[in-house]
Amino acid sequence: RRGSWTWYTDSVKGRFTMSRDNAKNTVYLQMNSLKPEDTAVYYCAAS
């Protein structure tokens, strides 16, 4: 909430960066150094 912390699963640490823009009600996932094993359907979720 409010972007206080960001946590990542180990397999994407150092490659993916999550950010949120509360003014735009939007979150982002910047994915760099992509690997074939990153192939998937990506879902956004709210808790």
All heavy atoms as atom14 arrays in JSON, in Angstrom:
{
  "sequence": "RRGSWTWYTDSVKGRFTMSRDNAKNTVYLQMNSLKPEDTAVYYCAAS",
  "atom14_mask": [
    [1, 1, 1, 1, 1, 1, 1, 1, 1, 1, 1, 0, 0, 0],
    [1, 1, 1, 1, 1, 1, 1, 1, 1, 1, 1, 0, 0, 0],
    [1, 1, 1, 1, 0, 0, 0, 0, 0, 0, 0, 0, 0, 0],
    [1, 1, 1, 1, 1, 1, 0, 0, 0, 0, 0, 0, 0, 0],
    [1, 1, 1, 1, 1, 1, 1, 1, 1, 1, 1, 1, 1, 1],
    [1, 1, 1, 1, 1, 1, 1, 0, 0, 0, 0, 0, 0, 0],
    [1, 1, 1, 1, 1, 1, 1, 1, 1, 1, 1, 1, 1, 1],
    [1, 1, 1, 1, 1, 1, 1, 1, 1, 1, 1, 1, 0, 0],
    [1, 1, 1, 1, 1, 1, 1, 0, 0, 0, 0, 0, 0, 0],
    [1, 1, 1, 1, 1, 1, 1, 1, 0, 0, 0, 0, 0, 0],
    [1, 1, 1, 1, 1, 1, 0, 0, 0, 0, 0, 0, 0, 0],
    [1, 1, 1, 1, 1, 1, 1, 0, 0, 0, 0, 0, 0, 0],
    [1, 1, 1, 1, 1, 1, 1, 1, 1, 0, 0, 0, 0, 0],
    [1, 1, 1, 1, 0, 0, 0, 0, 0, 0, 0, 0, 0, 0],
    [1, 1, 1, 1, 1, 1, 1, 1, 1, 1, 1, 0, 0, 0],
    [1, 1, 1, 1, 1, 1, 1, 1, 1, 1, 1, 0, 0, 0],
    [1, 1, 1, 1, 1, 1, 1, 0, 0, 0, 0, 0, 0, 0],
    [1, 1, 1, 1, 1, 1, 1, 1, 0, 0, 0, 0, 0, 0],
    [1, 1, 1, 1, 1, 1, 0, 0, 0, 0, 0, 0, 0, 0],
    [1, 1, 1, 1, 1, 1, 1, 1, 1, 1, 1, 0, 0, 0],
    [1, 1, 1, 1, 1, 1, 1, 1, 0, 0, 0, 0, 0, 0],
    [1, 1, 1, 1, 1, 1, 1, 1, 0, 0, 0, 0, 0, 0],
    [1, 1, 1, 1, 1, 0, 0, 0, 0, 0, 0, 0, 0, 0],
    [1, 1, 1, 1, 1, 1, 1, 1, 1, 0, 0, 0, 0, 0],
    [1, 1, 1, 1, 1, 1, 1, 1, 0, 0, 0, 0, 0, 0],
    [1, 1, 1, 1, 1, 1, 1, 0, 0, 0, 0, 0, 0, 0],
    [1, 1, 1, 1, 1, 1, 1, 0, 0, 0, 0, 0, 0, 0],
    [1, 1, 1, 1, 1, 1, 1, 1, 1, 1, 1, 1, 0, 0],
    [1, 1, 1, 1, 1, 1, 1, 1, 0, 0, 0, 0, 0, 0],
    [1, 1, 1, 1, 1, 1, 1, 1, 1, 0, 0, 0, 0, 0],
    [1, 1, 1, 1, 1, 1, 1, 1, 0, 0, 0, 0, 0, 0],
    [1, 1, 1, 1, 1, 1, 1, 1, 0, 0, 0, 0, 0, 0],
    [1, 1, 1, 1, 1, 1, 0, 0, 0, 0, 0, 0, 0, 0],
    [1, 1, 1, 1, 1, 1, 1, 1, 0, 0, 0, 0, 0, 0],
    [1, 1, 1, 1, 1, 1, 1, 1, 1, 0, 0, 0, 0, 0],
    [1, 1, 1, 1, 1, 1, 1, 0, 0, 0, 0, 0, 0, 0],
    [1, 1, 1, 1, 1, 1, 1, 1, 1, 0, 0, 0, 0, 0],
    [1, 1, 1, 1, 1, 1, 1, 1, 0, 0, 0, 0, 0, 0],
    [1, 1, 1, 1, 1, 1, 1, 0, 0, 0, 0, 0, 0, 0],
    [1, 1, 1, 1, 1, 0, 0, 0, 0, 0, 0, 0, 0, 0],
    [1, 1, 1, 1, 1, 1, 1, 0, 0, 0, 0, 0, 0, 0],
    [1, 1, 1, 1, 1, 1, 1, 1, 1, 1, 1, 1, 0, 0],
    [1, 1, 1, 1, 1, 1, 1, 1, 1, 1, 1, 1, 0, 0],
    [1, 1, 1, 1, 1, 1, 0, 0, 0, 0, 0, 0, 0, 0],
    [1, 1, 1, 1, 1, 0, 0, 0, 0, 0, 0, 0, 0, 0],
    [1, 1, 1, 1, 1, 0, 0, 0, 0, 0, 0, 0, 0, 0],
    [1, 1, 1, 1, 1, 1, 0, 0, 0, 0, 0, 0, 0, 0]
  ],
  "atom14_positions": [
    [[0.83, -1.2, 0.0], [0.0, 0.0, 0.0], [0.86, 1.25, 0.0], [1.85, 1.32, 0.73], [-0.9, 0.01, 1.23], [-1.94, -1.06, 1.26], [-2.76, -0.95, 2.52], [-3.75, -2.0, 2.63], [-4.62, -2.11, 3.6], [-4.63, -1.21, 4.57], [-5.48, -3.11, 3.62], [0.0, 0.0, 0.0], [0.0, 0.0, 0.0], [0.0, 0.0, 0.0]],
    [[0.46, 2.18, -0.83], [1.15, 3.47, -0.96], [2.59, 3.3, -1.45], [3.36, 4.24, -1.42], [1.11, 4.24, 0.36], [-0.3, 4.54, 0.79], [-0.38, 5.11, 2.21], [-1.78, 5.32, 2.58], [-2.57, 4.36, 3.02], [-2.13, 3.14, 3.14], [-3.82, 4.64, 3.34], [0.0, 0.0, 0.0], [0.0, 0.0, 0.0], [0.0, 0.0, 0.0]],
    [[2.94, 2.11, -1.89], [4.27, 1.9, -2.44], [5.38, 1.89, -1.42], [6.54, 2.16, -1.75], [0.0, 0.0, 0.0], [0.0, 0.0, 0.0], [0.0, 0.0, 0.0], [0.0, 0.0, 0.0], [0.0, 0.0, 0.0], [0.0, 0.0, 0.0], [0.0, 0.0, 0.0], [0.0, 0.0, 0.0], [0.0, 0.0, 0.0], [0.0, 0.0, 0.0]],
    [[5.05, 1.55, -0.19], [6.06, 1.59, 0.88], [7.18, 0.58, 0.65], [8.35, 0.85, 0.94], [5.39, 1.33, 2.23], [4.41, 2.3, 2.49], [0.0, 0.0, 0.0], [0.0, 0.0, 0.0], [0.0, 0.0, 0.0], [0.0, 0.0, 0.0], [0.0, 0.0, 0.0], [0.0, 0.0, 0.0], [0.0, 0.0, 0.0], [0.0, 0.0, 0.0]],
    [[6.81, -0.61, 0.16], [7.79, -1.67, -0.06], [7.52, -2.34, -1.39], [6.38, -2.4, -1.85], [7.7, -2.73, 1.03], [8.0, -2.23, 2.4], [7.1, -1.8, 3.34], [9.28, -2.09, 3.01], [7.74, -1.41, 4.48], [9.09, -1.58, 4.3], [10.58, -2.36, 2.57], [10.14, -1.33, 5.17], [11.63, -2.12, 3.44], [11.4, -1.6, 4.72]],
    [[8.56, -2.87, -1.98], [8.42, -3.68, -3.19], [9.24, -4.95, -3.0], [10.42, -4.88, -2.64], [8.92, -2.93, -4.43], [8.25, -1.67, -4.52], [8.61, -3.72, -5.7], [0.0, 0.0, 0.0], [0.0, 0.0, 0.0], [0.0, 0.0, 0.0], [0.0, 0.0, 0.0], [0.0, 0.0, 0.0], [0.0, 0.0, 0.0], [0.0, 0.0, 0.0]],
    [[8.58, -6.08, -3.2], [9.27, -7.36, -3.05], [9.18, -8.15, -4.35], [8.19, -8.06, -5.06], [8.62, -8.18, -1.92], [8.94, -7.67, -0.55], [10.11, -7.09, -0.16], [8.12, -7.72, 0.61], [10.05, -6.78, 1.17], [8.86, -7.16, 1.68], [6.83, -8.18, 0.85], [8.35, -7.06, 2.96], [6.34, -8.09, 2.13], [7.08, -7.52, 3.17]],
    [[10.19, -8.99, -4.6], [10.27, -9.77, -5.83], [10.57, -11.23, -5.53], [11.26, -11.55, -4.56], [11.4, -9.24, -6.72], [11.27, -7.79, -7.11], [11.85, -6.79, -6.31], [10.58, -7.41, -8.25], [11.73, -5.46, -6.65], [10.46, -6.08, -8.6], [11.04, -5.11, -7.79], [10.92, -3.78, -8.15], [0.0, 0.0, 0.0], [0.0, 0.0, 0.0]],
    [[10.08, -12.08, -6.4], [10.5, -13.47, -6.32], [11.95, -13.56, -6.78], [12.42, -12.73, -7.59], [9.58, -14.37, -7.17], [9.83, -15.73, -6.87], [9.78, -14.11, -8.65], [0.0, 0.0, 0.0], [0.0, 0.0, 0.0], [0.0, 0.0, 0.0], [0.0, 0.0, 0.0], [0.0, 0.0, 0.0], [0.0, 0.0, 0.0], [0.0, 0.0, 0.0]],
    [[12.66, -14.55, -6.28], [14.11, -14.62, -6.53], [14.47, -14.68, -8.01], [15.48, -14.11, -8.43], [14.69, -15.85, -5.82], [14.8, -15.65, -4.32], [14.7, -14.49, -3.86], [14.99, -16.65, -3.6], [0.0, 0.0, 0.0], [0.0, 0.0, 0.0], [0.0, 0.0, 0.0], [0.0, 0.0, 0.0], [0.0, 0.0, 0.0], [0.0, 0.0, 0.0]],
    [[13.66, -15.33, -8.8], [14.01, -15.56, -10.2], [14.01, -14.28, -11.05], [14.54, -14.27, -12.16], [13.09, -16.59, -10.83], [11.75, -16.13, -10.8], [0.0, 0.0, 0.0], [0.0, 0.0, 0.0], [0.0, 0.0, 0.0], [0.0, 0.0, 0.0], [0.0, 0.0, 0.0], [0.0, 0.0, 0.0], [0.0, 0.0, 0.0], [0.0, 0.0, 0.0]],
    [[13.42, -13.2, -10.53], [13.37, -11.96, -11.31], [14.16, -10.83, -10.68], [14.28, -9.75, -11.28], [11.91, -11.5, -11.56], [11.09, -12.62, -12.15], [11.27, -10.96, -10.3], [0.0, 0.0, 0.0], [0.0, 0.0, 0.0], [0.0, 0.0, 0.0], [0.0, 0.0, 0.0], [0.0, 0.0, 0.0], [0.0, 0.0, 0.0], [0.0, 0.0, 0.0]],
    [[14.7, -11.07, -9.49], [15.47, -10.01, -8.82], [16.64, -9.56, -9.68], [17.36, -10.37, -10.24], [15.98, -10.52, -7.47], [14.93, -10.58, -6.39], [15.53, -11.09, -5.08], [14.49, -11.19, -4.0], [15.03, -11.75, -2.74], [0.0, 0.0, 0.0], [0.0, 0.0, 0.0], [0.0, 0.0, 0.0], [0.0, 0.0, 0.0], [0.0, 0.0, 0.0]],
    [[16.81, -8.26, -9.77], [17.89, -7.69, -10.58], [17.54, -7.52, -12.04], [18.28, -6.88, -12.79], [0.0, 0.0, 0.0], [0.0, 0.0, 0.0], [0.0, 0.0, 0.0], [0.0, 0.0, 0.0], [0.0, 0.0, 0.0], [0.0, 0.0, 0.0], [0.0, 0.0, 0.0], [0.0, 0.0, 0.0], [0.0, 0.0, 0.0], [0.0, 0.0, 0.0]],
    [[16.41, -8.11, -12.47], [15.99, -7.99, -13.87], [14.67, -7.24, -14.02], [14.47, -6.52, -14.99], [15.85, -9.39, -14.5], [17.12, -10.21, -14.49], [16.95, -11.49, -15.29], [15.91, -12.35, -14.78], [14.84, -12.77, -15.47], [14.69, -12.37, -16.73], [13.95, -13.58, -14.93], [0.0, 0.0, 0.0], [0.0, 0.0, 0.0], [0.0, 0.0, 0.0]],
    [[13.75, -7.45, -13.08], [12.44, -6.82, -13.13], [12.37, -5.7, -12.09], [12.91, -5.83, -10.99], [11.34, -7.83, -12.83], [11.12, -8.87, -13.9], [11.99, -9.05, -14.95], [10.0, -9.69, -13.82], [11.78, -10.01, -15.92], [9.77, -10.66, -14.79], [10.66, -10.83, -15.83], [0.0, 0.0, 0.0], [0.0, 0.0, 0.0], [0.0, 0.0, 0.0]],
    [[11.64, -4.65, -12.44], [11.4, -3.56, -11.5], [9.93, -3.2, -11.54], [9.38, -2.89, -12.61], [12.24, -2.33, -11.86], [13.63, -2.67, -11.87], [12.0, -1.21, -10.85], [0.0, 0.0, 0.0], [0.0, 0.0, 0.0], [0.0, 0.0, 0.0], [0.0, 0.0, 0.0], [0.0, 0.0, 0.0], [0.0, 0.0, 0.0], [0.0, 0.0, 0.0]],
    [[9.32, -3.23, -10.36], [7.92, -2.85, -10.24], [7.84, -1.44, -9.69], [8.58, -1.09, -8.77], [7.16, -3.81, -9.33], [5.68, -3.49, -9.24], [4.79, -4.73, -8.27], [3.11, -4.11, -8.43], [0.0, 0.0, 0.0], [0.0, 0.0, 0.0], [0.0, 0.0, 0.0], [0.0, 0.0, 0.0], [0.0, 0.0, 0.0], [0.0, 0.0, 0.0]],
    [[6.93, -0.65, -10.26], [6.72, 0.7, -9.76], [5.23, 1.01, -9.8], [4.47, 0.31, -10.46], [7.5, 1.72, -10.6], [7.09, 1.68, -11.96], [0.0, 0.0, 0.0], [0.0, 0.0, 0.0], [0.0, 0.0, 0.0], [0.0, 0.0, 0.0], [0.0, 0.0, 0.0], [0.0, 0.0, 0.0], [0.0, 0.0, 0.0], [0.0, 0.0, 0.0]],
    [[4.84, 2.02, -9.06], [3.43, 2.42, -9.06], [3.35, 3.93, -9.12], [4.15, 4.63, -8.5], [2.66, 1.85, -7.88], [3.03, 2.35, -6.52], [2.36, 1.53, -5.42], [0.92, 1.74, -5.37], [0.07, 0.94, -4.72], [0.52, -0.13, -4.09], [-1.22, 1.2, -4.69], [0.0, 0.0, 0.0], [0.0, 0.0, 0.0], [0.0, 0.0, 0.0]],
    [[2.37, 4.4, -9.88], [2.08, 5.83, -9.99], [0.68, 6.03, -9.42], [-0.31, 5.78, -10.11], [2.15, 6.27, -11.46], [2.0, 7.77, -11.63], [1.39, 8.4, -10.75], [2.46, 8.31, -12.63], [0.0, 0.0, 0.0], [0.0, 0.0, 0.0], [0.0, 0.0, 0.0], [0.0, 0.0, 0.0], [0.0, 0.0, 0.0], [0.0, 0.0, 0.0]],
    [[0.62, 6.45, -8.16], [-0.68, 6.58, -7.5], [-1.54, 7.67, -8.12], [-2.76, 7.61, -8.05], [-0.47, 6.83, -6.0], [0.06, 5.61, -5.29], [-0.22, 4.48, -5.68], [0.85, 5.83, -4.25], [0.0, 0.0, 0.0], [0.0, 0.0, 0.0], [0.0, 0.0, 0.0], [0.0, 0.0, 0.0], [0.0, 0.0, 0.0], [0.0, 0.0, 0.0]],
    [[-0.93, 8.66, -8.72], [-1.69, 9.72, -9.37], [-2.42, 9.21, -10.61], [-3.48, 9.72, -10.98], [-0.78, 10.88, -9.75], [0.0, 0.0, 0.0], [0.0, 0.0, 0.0], [0.0, 0.0, 0.0], [0.0, 0.0, 0.0], [0.0, 0.0, 0.0], [0.0, 0.0, 0.0], [0.0, 0.0, 0.0], [0.0, 0.0, 0.0], [0.0, 0.0, 0.0]],
    [[-1.84, 8.19, -11.23], [-2.43, 7.62, -12.46], [-3.14, 6.3, -12.2], [-3.64, 5.67, -13.14], [-1.35, 7.41, -13.52], [-0.73, 8.7, -14.03], [0.28, 8.42, -15.12], [0.86, 9.72, -15.66], [1.86, 9.46, -16.75], [0.0, 0.0, 0.0], [0.0, 0.0, 0.0], [0.0, 0.0, 0.0], [0.0, 0.0, 0.0], [0.0, 0.0, 0.0]],
    [[-3.16, 5.86, -10.93], [-3.78, 4.57, -10.58], [-3.22, 3.44, -11.45], [-3.96, 2.58, -11.95], [-5.3, 4.62, -10.76], [-5.98, 5.39, -9.66], [-5.31, 6.01, -8.82], [-7.29, 5.41, -9.65], [0.0, 0.0, 0.0], [0.0, 0.0, 0.0], [0.0, 0.0, 0.0], [0.0, 0.0, 0.0], [0.0, 0.0, 0.0], [0.0, 0.0, 0.0]],
    [[-1.92, 3.43, -11.6], [-1.27, 2.48, -12.5], [-0.02, 1.9, -11.86], [0.71, 2.62, -11.16], [-0.9, 3.17, -13.83], [-2.08, 3.71, -14.44], [-0.26, 2.18, -14.81], [0.0, 0.0, 0.0], [0.0, 0.0, 0.0], [0.0, 0.0, 0.0], [0.0, 0.0, 0.0], [0.0, 0.0, 0.0], [0.0, 0.0, 0.0], [0.0, 0.0, 0.0]],
    [[0.19, 0.62, -12.08], [1.45, -0.01, -11.71], [2.13, -0.52, -12.98], [1.46, -0.8, -13.97], [1.27, -1.17, -10.71], [0.79, -0.65, -9.37], [0.34, -2.24, -11.25], [0.0, 0.0, 0.0], [0.0, 0.0, 0.0], [0.0, 0.0, 0.0], [0.0, 0.0, 0.0], [0.0, 0.0, 0.0], [0.0, 0.0, 0.0], [0.0, 0.0, 0.0]],
    [[3.42, -0.64, -12.88], [4.22, -1.05, -14.02], [5.15, -2.2, -13.62], [5.51, -2.34, -12.46], [5.08, 0.13, -14.52], [4.29, 1.35, -14.85], [4.14, 2.38, -13.91], [3.69, 1.51, -16.1], [3.41, 3.51, -14.21], [2.96, 2.65, -16.4], [2.83, 3.65, -15.45], [2.09, 4.77, -15.75], [0.0, 0.0, 0.0], [0.0, 0.0, 0.0]],
    [[5.52, -2.97, -14.61], [6.53, -3.99, -14.41], [7.53, -3.87, -15.56], [7.22, -4.24, -16.69], [5.93, -5.39, -14.37], [6.91, -6.5, -14.0], [7.4, -6.35, -12.56], [6.29, -7.88, -14.21], [0.0, 0.0, 0.0], [0.0, 0.0, 0.0], [0.0, 0.0, 0.0], [0.0, 0.0, 0.0], [0.0, 0.0, 0.0], [0.0, 0.0, 0.0]],
    [[8.68, -3.29, -15.26], [9.75, -3.19, -16.25], [10.55, -4.48, -16.22], [11.11, -4.84, -15.19], [10.66, -2.0, -15.94], [11.84, -1.86, -16.89], [11.41, -1.51, -18.31], [10.54, -0.66, -18.51], [12.01, -2.18, -19.29], [0.0, 0.0, 0.0], [0.0, 0.0, 0.0], [0.0, 0.0, 0.0], [0.0, 0.0, 0.0], [0.0, 0.0, 0.0]],
    [[10.58, -5.17, -17.34], [11.24, -6.46, -17.43], [12.43, -6.37, -18.38], [12.24, -6.12, -19.58], [10.24, -7.52, -17.92], [8.98, -7.61, -17.08], [7.89, -8.95, -17.56], [7.42, -8.42, -19.21], [0.0, 0.0, 0.0], [0.0, 0.0, 0.0], [0.0, 0.0, 0.0], [0.0, 0.0, 0.0], [0.0, 0.0, 0.0], [0.0, 0.0, 0.0]],
    [[13.61, -6.54, -17.85], [14.84, -6.5, -18.63], [15.52, -7.86, -18.64], [15.2, -8.73, -17.82], [15.8, -5.45, -18.05], [15.23, -4.05, -18.07], [14.45, -3.68, -18.96], [15.61, -3.24, -17.09], [0.0, 0.0, 0.0], [0.0, 0.0, 0.0], [0.0, 0.0, 0.0], [0.0, 0.0, 0.0], [0.0, 0.0, 0.0], [0.0, 0.0, 0.0]],
    [[16.45, -8.03, -19.55], [17.21, -9.29, -19.65], [16.27, -10.49, -19.64], [16.47, -11.47, -18.91], [18.22, -9.4, -18.5], [19.1, -8.31, -18.5], [0.0, 0.0, 0.0], [0.0, 0.0, 0.0], [0.0, 0.0, 0.0], [0.0, 0.0, 0.0], [0.0, 0.0, 0.0], [0.0, 0.0, 0.0], [0.0, 0.0, 0.0], [0.0, 0.0, 0.0]],
    [[15.25, -10.41, -20.45], [14.23, -11.46, -20.46], [14.8, -12.79, -20.93], [15.69, -12.84, -21.8], [13.05, -11.04, -21.33], [12.1, -10.04, -20.66], [11.25, -9.33, -21.69], [11.22, -10.75, -19.64], [0.0, 0.0, 0.0], [0.0, 0.0, 0.0], [0.0, 0.0, 0.0], [0.0, 0.0, 0.0], [0.0, 0.0, 0.0], [0.0, 0.0, 0.0]],
    [[14.27, -13.85, -20.35], [14.68, -15.21, -20.66], [13.48, -16.0, -21.18], [12.34, -15.67, -20.85], [15.22, -15.89, -19.4], [16.35, -15.15, -18.71], [16.72, -15.84, -17.4], [17.83, -15.1, -16.68], [18.2, -15.76, -15.41], [0.0, 0.0, 0.0], [0.0, 0.0, 0.0], [0.0, 0.0, 0.0], [0.0, 0.0, 0.0], [0.0, 0.0, 0.0]],
    [[13.74, -17.05, -21.94], [12.6, -17.87, -22.42], [11.71, -18.37, -21.27], [10.49, -18.49, -21.44], [13.29, -19.02, -23.15], [14.56, -18.42, -23.65], [15.0, -17.47, -22.56], [0.0, 0.0, 0.0], [0.0, 0.0, 0.0], [0.0, 0.0, 0.0], [0.0, 0.0, 0.0], [0.0, 0.0, 0.0], [0.0, 0.0, 0.0], [0.0, 0.0, 0.0]],
    [[12.31, -18.63, -20.12], [11.51, -19.12, -18.99], [10.63, -18.05, -18.38], [9.82, -18.33, -17.49], [12.42, -19.73, -17.91], [13.57, -18.86, -17.48], [14.87, -19.18, -18.21], [14.83, -19.4, -19.45], [15.92, -19.22, -17.53], [0.0, 0.0, 0.0], [0.0, 0.0, 0.0], [0.0, 0.0, 0.0], [0.0, 0.0, 0.0], [0.0, 0.0, 0.0]],
    [[10.74, -16.8, -18.83], [9.82, -15.75, -18.4], [8.52, -15.77, -19.22], [7.59, -15.02, -18.9], [10.47, -14.37, -18.55], [11.65, -14.17, -17.63], [11.56, -14.57, -16.45], [12.67, -13.6, -18.09], [0.0, 0.0, 0.0], [0.0, 0.0, 0.0], [0.0, 0.0, 0.0], [0.0, 0.0, 0.0], [0.0, 0.0, 0.0], [0.0, 0.0, 0.0]],
    [[8.47, -16.61, -20.23], [7.27, -16.72, -21.05], [6.09, -17.16, -20.2], [6.14, -18.18, -19.52], [7.48, -17.71, -22.2], [8.48, -17.18, -23.08], [6.19, -17.94, -22.98], [0.0, 0.0, 0.0], [0.0, 0.0, 0.0], [0.0, 0.0, 0.0], [0.0, 0.0, 0.0], [0.0, 0.0, 0.0], [0.0, 0.0, 0.0], [0.0, 0.0, 0.0]],
    [[5.01, -16.37, -20.23], [3.85, -16.64, -19.39], [2.77, -15.6, -19.69], [3.04, -14.59, -20.35], [4.22, -16.59, -17.92], [0.0, 0.0, 0.0], [0.0, 0.0, 0.0], [0.0, 0.0, 0.0], [0.0, 0.0, 0.0], [0.0, 0.0, 0.0], [0.0, 0.0, 0.0], [0.0, 0.0, 0.0], [0.0, 0.0, 0.0], [0.0, 0.0, 0.0]],
    [[1.6, -15.86, -19.16], [0.57, -14.82, -19.08], [0.8, -14.1, -17.76], [0.87, -14.74, -16.7], [-0.85, -15.41, -19.14], [-1.88, -14.3, -18.98], [-1.06, -16.16, -20.46], [0.0, 0.0, 0.0], [0.0, 0.0, 0.0], [0.0, 0.0, 0.0], [0.0, 0.0, 0.0], [0.0, 0.0, 0.0], [0.0, 0.0, 0.0], [0.0, 0.0, 0.0]],
    [[0.92, -12.79, -17.83], [1.17, -11.97, -16.64], [-0.13, -11.32, -16.19], [-0.84, -10.69, -16.99], [2.24, -10.93, -16.95], [3.63, -11.49, -16.98], [4.03, -12.34, -18.01], [4.53, -11.23, -15.96], [5.29, -12.9, -18.03], [5.81, -11.78, -15.98], [6.18, -12.62, -17.01], [7.44, -13.17, -17.02], [0.0, 0.0, 0.0], [0.0, 0.0, 0.0]],
    [[-0.4, -11.46, -14.9], [-1.62, -10.94, -14.31], [-1.3, -9.88, -13.27], [-0.37, -10.03, -12.47], [-2.41, -12.05, -13.62], [-2.91, -13.13, -14.54], [-2.13, -14.27, -14.77], [-4.14, -13.03, -15.16], [-2.58, -15.28, -15.61], [-4.6, -14.04, -16.0], [-3.82, -15.15, -16.21], [-4.27, -16.15, -17.05], [0.0, 0.0, 0.0], [0.0, 0.0, 0.0]],
    [[-2.13, -8.86, -13.27], [-2.09, -7.84, -12.24], [-3.16, -8.19, -11.21], [-4.24, -8.69, -11.57], [-2.39, -6.5, -12.89], [-2.49, -5.1, -11.79], [0.0, 0.0, 0.0], [0.0, 0.0, 0.0], [0.0, 0.0, 0.0], [0.0, 0.0, 0.0], [0.0, 0.0, 0.0], [0.0, 0.0, 0.0], [0.0, 0.0, 0.0], [0.0, 0.0, 0.0]],
    [[-2.86, -7.95, -9.93], [-3.8, -8.27, -8.87], [-3.77, -7.19, -7.8], [-2.73, -6.55, -7.59], [-3.48, -9.63, -8.26], [0.0, 0.0, 0.0], [0.0, 0.0, 0.0], [0.0, 0.0, 0.0], [0.0, 0.0, 0.0], [0.0, 0.0, 0.0], [0.0, 0.0, 0.0], [0.0, 0.0, 0.0], [0.0, 0.0, 0.0], [0.0, 0.0, 0.0]],
    [[-4.91, -7.03, -7.13], [-5.04, -6.03, -6.07], [-5.53, -6.68, -4.8], [-6.44, -7.52, -4.83], [-6.0, -4.92, -6.5], [0.0, 0.0, 0.0], [0.0, 0.0, 0.0], [0.0, 0.0, 0.0], [0.0, 0.0, 0.0], [0.0, 0.0, 0.0], [0.0, 0.0, 0.0], [0.0, 0.0, 0.0], [0.0, 0.0, 0.0], [0.0, 0.0, 0.0]],
    [[-4.93, -6.28, -3.67], [-5.26, -6.88, -2.39], [-5.57, -5.81, -1.35], [-4.82, -4.84, -1.22], [-4.1, -7.74, -1.89], [-4.36, -8.2, -0.59], [0.0, 0.0, 0.0], [0.0, 0.0, 0.0], [0.0, 0.0, 0.0], [0.0, 0.0, 0.0], [0.0, 0.0, 0.0], [0.0, 0.0, 0.0], [0.0, 0.0, 0.0], [0.0, 0.0, 0.0]]
  ]
}
